[in-house]
């Protein structure tokens, strides 16, 4: 299992809180949200953010419009992914 740091996202529309994230990435590449969800659910890879020196693990949420990704740290779901810049 690989532990992957996420350093950027792509989001359409940018204003949508969660379901709008289309891709997650870092300096080695970017992956479609659906692929990241599949890897997390199968246990193939784990993903995390590091914002302000704090690690937050990326998890999968079942929302009203389907599955999406969100970070979890210190026992709470939060929006660390939304603090990341756009991927090129």
N, C-alpha and C. Protein backbone atom coordinates (compact mmCIF):
# COMPACT_ATOMS: atom_id res chain seq x y z
N UNK A 1 0.85 -1.18 0.00
CA UNK A 1 0.00 0.00 0.00
C UNK A 1 0.89 1.23 0.00
N UNK A 2 0.53 2.19 -0.82
CA UNK A 2 1.27 3.44 -0.92
C UNK A 2 0.51 4.55 -0.22
N UNK A 3 1.22 5.38 0.54
CA UNK A 3 0.66 6.53 1.23
C UNK A 3 1.01 7.76 0.39
N UNK A 4 0.01 8.42 -0.19
CA UNK A 4 0.21 9.47 -1.18
C UNK A 4 -0.24 10.82 -0.63
N UNK A 5 0.67 11.80 -0.68
CA UNK A 5 0.29 13.16 -0.27
C UNK A 5 -0.37 13.88 -1.45
N UNK A 6 -1.53 14.47 -1.20
CA UNK A 6 -2.24 15.26 -2.19
C UNK A 6 -1.86 16.72 -1.97
N UNK A 7 -1.38 17.39 -3.03
CA UNK A 7 -0.95 18.78 -2.90
C UNK A 7 -1.74 19.74 -3.78
N UNK A 8 -2.63 19.18 -4.64
CA UNK A 8 -3.44 20.05 -5.50
C UNK A 8 -4.73 19.30 -5.88
N UNK A 9 -5.71 20.08 -6.32
CA UNK A 9 -6.98 19.51 -6.79
C UNK A 9 -7.44 20.25 -8.03
N UNK A 10 -8.33 19.63 -8.78
CA UNK A 10 -9.09 20.31 -9.83
C UNK A 10 -10.54 20.20 -9.44
N UNK A 11 -11.29 21.28 -9.66
CA UNK A 11 -12.65 21.35 -9.15
C UNK A 11 -13.54 22.07 -10.14
N UNK A 12 -14.67 21.44 -10.47
CA UNK A 12 -15.68 22.07 -11.33
C UNK A 12 -17.06 21.78 -10.77
N UNK A 13 -17.89 22.74 -10.49
CA UNK A 13 -17.54 24.15 -10.41
C UNK A 13 -16.74 24.43 -9.13
N UNK A 14 -15.91 25.42 -9.14
CA UNK A 14 -15.03 25.73 -8.01
C UNK A 14 -15.81 26.03 -6.73
N UNK A 15 -17.02 26.58 -6.84
CA UNK A 15 -17.79 26.96 -5.66
C UNK A 15 -18.42 25.77 -4.93
N UNK A 16 -18.62 24.65 -5.61
CA UNK A 16 -19.26 23.48 -5.00
C UNK A 16 -18.38 22.94 -3.88
N UNK A 17 -18.94 22.72 -2.71
CA UNK A 17 -18.16 22.35 -1.53
C UNK A 17 -17.38 21.05 -1.68
N UNK A 18 -17.98 19.97 -2.20
CA UNK A 18 -17.30 18.69 -2.20
C UNK A 18 -17.43 17.93 -3.52
N UNK A 19 -18.64 17.80 -4.01
CA UNK A 19 -18.86 16.97 -5.19
C UNK A 19 -18.14 17.50 -6.42
N UNK A 20 -17.73 18.77 -6.41
CA UNK A 20 -17.08 19.36 -7.57
C UNK A 20 -15.64 18.95 -7.78
N UNK A 21 -14.98 18.29 -6.83
CA UNK A 21 -13.59 17.88 -7.02
C UNK A 21 -13.55 16.79 -8.09
N UNK A 22 -12.80 17.04 -9.17
CA UNK A 22 -12.71 16.08 -10.26
C UNK A 22 -11.41 15.29 -10.24
N UNK A 23 -10.31 15.93 -9.79
CA UNK A 23 -9.00 15.29 -9.77
C UNK A 23 -8.24 15.69 -8.51
N UNK A 24 -7.39 14.79 -8.04
CA UNK A 24 -6.47 15.06 -6.95
C UNK A 24 -5.08 14.77 -7.48
N UNK A 25 -4.07 15.50 -7.00
CA UNK A 25 -2.75 15.27 -7.55
C UNK A 25 -1.61 15.76 -6.67
N UNK A 26 -0.41 15.59 -7.21
CA UNK A 26 0.81 16.09 -6.59
C UNK A 26 1.85 16.28 -7.69
N UNK A 27 3.11 16.44 -7.34
CA UNK A 27 4.14 16.72 -8.35
C UNK A 27 4.41 15.54 -9.29
N UNK A 28 3.94 14.35 -8.93
CA UNK A 28 4.19 13.19 -9.80
C UNK A 28 3.03 12.88 -10.74
N UNK A 29 1.88 13.51 -10.54
CA UNK A 29 0.75 13.27 -11.42
C UNK A 29 -0.56 13.64 -10.77
N UNK A 30 -1.65 13.38 -11.49
CA UNK A 30 -2.98 13.60 -10.91
C UNK A 30 -3.89 12.47 -11.34
N UNK A 31 -4.91 12.24 -10.51
CA UNK A 31 -5.79 11.09 -10.69
C UNK A 31 -7.23 11.55 -10.59
N UNK A 32 -8.10 10.90 -11.35
CA UNK A 32 -9.53 11.19 -11.30
C UNK A 32 -10.08 10.82 -9.92
N UNK A 33 -11.03 11.58 -9.47
CA UNK A 33 -11.65 11.33 -8.17
C UNK A 33 -12.15 9.89 -8.09
N UNK A 34 -12.76 9.39 -9.15
CA UNK A 34 -13.30 8.02 -9.12
C UNK A 34 -12.20 7.00 -8.90
N UNK A 35 -11.02 7.22 -9.47
CA UNK A 35 -9.89 6.30 -9.29
C UNK A 35 -9.39 6.36 -7.84
N UNK A 36 -9.29 7.57 -7.29
CA UNK A 36 -8.84 7.72 -5.90
C UNK A 36 -9.82 7.02 -4.96
N UNK A 37 -11.12 7.19 -5.20
CA UNK A 37 -12.13 6.52 -4.38
C UNK A 37 -11.96 5.01 -4.46
N UNK A 38 -11.75 4.49 -5.66
CA UNK A 38 -11.57 3.04 -5.84
C UNK A 38 -10.34 2.56 -5.07
N UNK A 39 -9.23 3.28 -5.16
CA UNK A 39 -8.01 2.89 -4.45
C UNK A 39 -8.20 2.92 -2.93
N UNK A 40 -8.89 3.96 -2.43
CA UNK A 40 -9.13 4.05 -0.98
C UNK A 40 -10.01 2.89 -0.52
N UNK A 41 -11.10 2.66 -1.24
CA UNK A 41 -12.04 1.61 -0.83
C UNK A 41 -11.44 0.22 -0.93
N UNK A 42 -10.54 0.00 -1.89
CA UNK A 42 -9.93 -1.33 -2.03
C UNK A 42 -8.72 -1.51 -1.12
N UNK A 43 -8.27 -0.42 -0.49
CA UNK A 43 -7.11 -0.51 0.38
C UNK A 43 -5.79 -0.52 -0.38
N UNK A 44 -5.83 -0.21 -1.68
CA UNK A 44 -4.63 -0.18 -2.50
C UNK A 44 -3.69 0.96 -2.10
N UNK A 45 -4.25 2.16 -1.92
CA UNK A 45 -3.49 3.34 -1.54
C UNK A 45 -4.24 4.12 -0.47
N UNK A 46 -3.49 4.90 0.29
CA UNK A 46 -4.08 5.89 1.20
C UNK A 46 -3.64 7.26 0.70
N UNK A 47 -4.43 8.26 0.99
CA UNK A 47 -4.15 9.62 0.56
C UNK A 47 -4.30 10.55 1.75
N UNK A 48 -3.51 11.63 1.75
CA UNK A 48 -3.58 12.60 2.85
C UNK A 48 -3.16 13.97 2.35
N UNK A 49 -3.52 15.00 3.14
CA UNK A 49 -3.04 16.35 2.89
C UNK A 49 -2.16 16.74 4.07
N UNK A 50 -1.32 17.73 3.86
CA UNK A 50 -0.49 18.28 4.91
C UNK A 50 -0.63 19.79 4.80
N UNK A 51 -1.55 20.35 5.59
CA UNK A 51 -1.85 21.78 5.54
C UNK A 51 -1.49 22.39 6.89
N UNK A 52 -0.64 23.39 6.88
CA UNK A 52 -0.22 24.03 8.13
C UNK A 52 0.49 23.06 9.05
N UNK A 53 1.20 22.08 8.48
CA UNK A 53 1.92 21.10 9.28
C UNK A 53 1.06 20.01 9.89
N UNK A 54 -0.24 19.99 9.58
CA UNK A 54 -1.15 18.98 10.12
C UNK A 54 -1.58 18.01 9.02
N UNK A 55 -1.45 16.73 9.32
CA UNK A 55 -1.88 15.69 8.40
C UNK A 55 -3.38 15.46 8.54
N UNK A 56 -4.04 15.31 7.40
CA UNK A 56 -5.45 14.94 7.37
C UNK A 56 -5.61 13.85 6.32
N UNK A 57 -6.15 12.71 6.72
CA UNK A 57 -6.36 11.59 5.81
C UNK A 57 -7.56 11.84 4.92
N UNK A 58 -7.47 11.41 3.67
CA UNK A 58 -8.57 11.54 2.72
C UNK A 58 -9.45 10.31 2.85
N UNK A 59 -10.75 10.54 3.01
CA UNK A 59 -11.72 9.46 3.12
C UNK A 59 -12.82 9.60 2.08
N UNK A 60 -13.64 8.59 1.99
CA UNK A 60 -14.74 8.56 1.02
C UNK A 60 -16.05 8.78 1.76
N UNK A 61 -16.87 9.69 1.25
CA UNK A 61 -18.18 10.01 1.82
C UNK A 61 -19.25 9.64 0.81
N UNK A 62 -20.34 9.05 1.28
CA UNK A 62 -21.49 8.77 0.43
C UNK A 62 -22.44 9.95 0.54
N UNK A 63 -22.44 10.82 -0.44
CA UNK A 63 -23.29 12.01 -0.42
C UNK A 63 -24.56 11.81 -1.20
N UNK A 64 -25.42 12.80 -1.18
CA UNK A 64 -26.70 12.70 -1.91
C UNK A 64 -26.52 12.58 -3.42
N UNK A 65 -25.37 13.05 -3.93
CA UNK A 65 -25.10 12.97 -5.37
C UNK A 65 -24.05 11.92 -5.70
N UNK A 66 -23.80 11.00 -4.78
CA UNK A 66 -22.80 9.96 -5.01
C UNK A 66 -21.60 10.12 -4.09
N UNK A 67 -20.60 9.32 -4.33
CA UNK A 67 -19.41 9.32 -3.49
C UNK A 67 -18.50 10.49 -3.82
N UNK A 68 -17.88 11.04 -2.78
CA UNK A 68 -16.89 12.08 -2.97
C UNK A 68 -15.81 11.93 -1.90
N UNK A 69 -14.74 12.71 -2.00
CA UNK A 69 -13.63 12.62 -1.07
C UNK A 69 -13.62 13.82 -0.13
N UNK A 70 -13.15 13.56 1.08
CA UNK A 70 -13.08 14.60 2.10
C UNK A 70 -12.00 14.21 3.08
N UNK A 71 -11.38 15.18 3.74
CA UNK A 71 -10.32 14.87 4.69
C UNK A 71 -10.88 14.70 6.10
N UNK A 72 -10.15 13.93 6.89
CA UNK A 72 -10.54 13.63 8.27
C UNK A 72 -9.30 13.76 9.15
N UNK A 73 -9.38 14.62 10.16
CA UNK A 73 -8.26 14.81 11.09
C UNK A 73 -8.80 15.16 12.46
N UNK A 74 -8.11 14.71 13.48
CA UNK A 74 -8.49 15.01 14.86
C UNK A 74 -9.94 14.64 15.15
N UNK A 75 -10.41 13.53 14.55
CA UNK A 75 -11.75 13.04 14.84
C UNK A 75 -12.86 13.79 14.14
N UNK A 76 -12.54 14.70 13.21
CA UNK A 76 -13.58 15.47 12.54
C UNK A 76 -13.33 15.52 11.04
N UNK A 77 -14.43 15.52 10.27
CA UNK A 77 -14.34 15.72 8.83
C UNK A 77 -14.11 17.20 8.60
N UNK A 78 -13.23 17.54 7.66
CA UNK A 78 -12.94 18.94 7.40
C UNK A 78 -12.73 19.17 5.90
N UNK A 79 -12.39 20.40 5.54
CA UNK A 79 -12.30 20.80 4.13
C UNK A 79 -10.87 21.08 3.69
N UNK A 80 -9.88 20.35 4.18
CA UNK A 80 -8.49 20.61 3.82
C UNK A 80 -8.24 20.52 2.32
N UNK A 81 -8.95 19.67 1.62
CA UNK A 81 -8.76 19.57 0.17
C UNK A 81 -9.06 20.89 -0.52
N UNK A 82 -10.04 21.61 -0.01
CA UNK A 82 -10.45 22.87 -0.63
C UNK A 82 -9.40 23.96 -0.43
N UNK A 83 -8.48 23.79 0.52
CA UNK A 83 -7.43 24.77 0.76
C UNK A 83 -6.26 24.59 -0.20
N UNK A 84 -6.28 23.51 -0.97
CA UNK A 84 -5.17 23.22 -1.89
C UNK A 84 -5.32 24.00 -3.20
N UNK A 85 -4.19 24.32 -3.85
CA UNK A 85 -4.28 25.03 -5.14
C UNK A 85 -4.76 24.11 -6.26
N UNK A 86 -5.07 24.71 -7.39
CA UNK A 86 -5.46 23.95 -8.58
C UNK A 86 -4.25 23.20 -9.14
N UNK A 87 -4.47 21.99 -9.61
CA UNK A 87 -3.43 21.23 -10.30
C UNK A 87 -3.25 21.80 -11.71
N UNK A 88 -2.01 21.77 -12.22
CA UNK A 88 -1.81 22.24 -13.60
C UNK A 88 -2.48 21.31 -14.60
